[in-house]
C-alpha atoms as a PDB file:
ATOM      1  CA  UNK A   1       5.362 -26.210   7.169  1.00  0.00           C
ATOM      2  CA  UNK A   2       6.637 -23.090   8.945  1.00  0.00           C
ATOM      3  CA  UNK A   3       7.778 -21.620   5.664  1.00  0.00           C
ATOM      4  CA  UNK A   4       4.349 -22.094   4.063  1.00  0.00           C
ATOM      5  CA  UNK A   5       2.389 -20.585   6.854  1.00  0.00           C
ATOM      6  CA  UNK A   6       4.738 -17.493   6.860  1.00  0.00           C
ATOM      7  CA  UNK A   7       4.222 -16.907   3.168  1.00  0.00           C
ATOM      8  CA  UNK A   8       0.509 -17.311   3.860  1.00  0.00           C
ATOM      9  CA  UNK A   9       0.651 -14.639   6.509  1.00  0.00           C
ATOM     10  CA  UNK A  10       2.606 -12.320   4.448  1.00  0.00           C
ATOM     11  CA  UNK A  11       0.402 -12.561   1.666  1.00  0.00           C
ATOM     12  CA  UNK A  12      -2.650 -11.834   3.978  1.00  0.00           C
ATOM     13  CA  UNK A  13      -0.974  -8.550   5.345  1.00  0.00           C
ATOM     14  CA  UNK A  14      -0.136  -7.370   1.865  1.00  0.00           C
ATOM     15  CA  UNK A  15      -3.942  -7.921   1.004  1.00  0.00           C
ATOM     16  CA  UNK A  16      -5.303  -6.105   3.938  1.00  0.00           C
ATOM     17  CA  UNK A  17      -2.788  -3.197   3.103  1.00  0.00           C
ATOM     18  CA  UNK A  18      -3.976  -3.087  -0.429  1.00  0.00           C
ATOM     19  CA  UNK A  19      -7.415  -3.179   0.737  1.00  0.00           C
ATOM     20  CA  UNK A  20      -7.241  -0.479   3.120  1.00  0.00           C
ATOM     21  CA  UNK A  21      -5.634   1.865   0.370  1.00  0.00           C
ATOM     22  CA  UNK A  22      -8.267   1.209  -2.062  1.00  0.00           C
ATOM     23  CA  UNK A  23     -11.172   1.685   0.440  1.00  0.00           C
ATOM     24  CA  UNK A  24      -9.365   5.236   1.337  1.00  0.00           C
ATOM     25  CA  UNK A  25      -9.365   6.334  -2.354  1.00  0.00           C
ATOM     26  CA  UNK A  26     -13.078   5.439  -2.874  1.00  0.00           C
ATOM     27  CA  UNK A  27     -14.223   7.205   0.366  1.00  0.00           C
ATOM     28  CA  UNK A  28     -12.288  10.360  -0.728  1.00  0.00           C
ATOM     29  CA  UNK A  29     -13.953  10.515  -4.047  1.00  0.00           C
ATOM     30  CA  UNK A  30     -17.405   9.853  -2.919  1.00  0.00           C
ATOM     31  CA  UNK A  31     -18.734  13.213  -1.456  1.00  0.00           C
ATOM     32  CA  UNK A  32     -22.554  13.759  -1.673  1.00  0.00           C
ATOM     33  CA  UNK A  33     -23.863  17.082  -2.578  1.00  0.00           C
ATOM     34  CA  UNK A  34     -27.674  17.598  -2.188  1.00  0.00           C
ATOM     35  CA  UNK A  35     -29.852  19.305  -4.791  1.00  0.00           C
ATOM     36  CA  UNK A  36     -30.487  22.065  -2.180  1.00  0.00           C
ATOM     37  CA  UNK A  37     -26.951  22.953  -1.913  1.00  0.00           C
ATOM     38  CA  UNK A  38     -26.286  23.312  -5.455  1.00  0.00           C
ATOM     39  CA  UNK A  39     -26.443  26.634  -7.402  1.00  0.00           C
ATOM     40  CA  UNK A  40     -28.754  27.114 -10.511  1.00  0.00           C
ATOM     41  CA  UNK A  41     -25.612  26.938 -12.912  1.00  0.00           C
ATOM     42  CA  UNK A  42     -24.981  23.565 -11.296  1.00  0.00           C
ATOM     43  CA  UNK A  43     -28.230  22.019 -11.748  1.00  0.00           C
ATOM     44  CA  UNK A  44     -28.401  23.519 -15.364  1.00  0.00           C
ATOM     45  CA  UNK A  45     -25.137  21.913 -16.032  1.00  0.00           C
ATOM     46  CA  UNK A  46     -26.210  18.619 -14.480  1.00  0.00           C
ATOM     47  CA  UNK A  47     -29.322  18.473 -16.488  1.00  0.00           C
ATOM     48  CA  UNK A  48     -27.452  19.202 -19.642  1.00  0.00           C
ATOM     49  CA  UNK A  49     -25.119  16.291 -18.572  1.00  0.00           C
ATOM     50  CA  UNK A  50     -27.950  13.670 -18.261  1.00  0.00           C
ATOM     51  CA  UNK A  51     -29.781  14.977 -21.393  1.00  0.00           C
END
C-alpha cells in the first residue's frame, strides 16, 4: 500500500516539474509586438507573409 502511494506521489511530482518547464518555454516565445512599434519594413514583410 505505501509502495503504491509513493509511486503515485513520485509521478505527480514528475508531472508538475515537466509542466512547469513546458510553461516556461511557451511564455518566453510569446512576446507581443504591436503594430505601432513595428517599422515599415516589418509591416511590409508581415503583409507579404500573410498574402
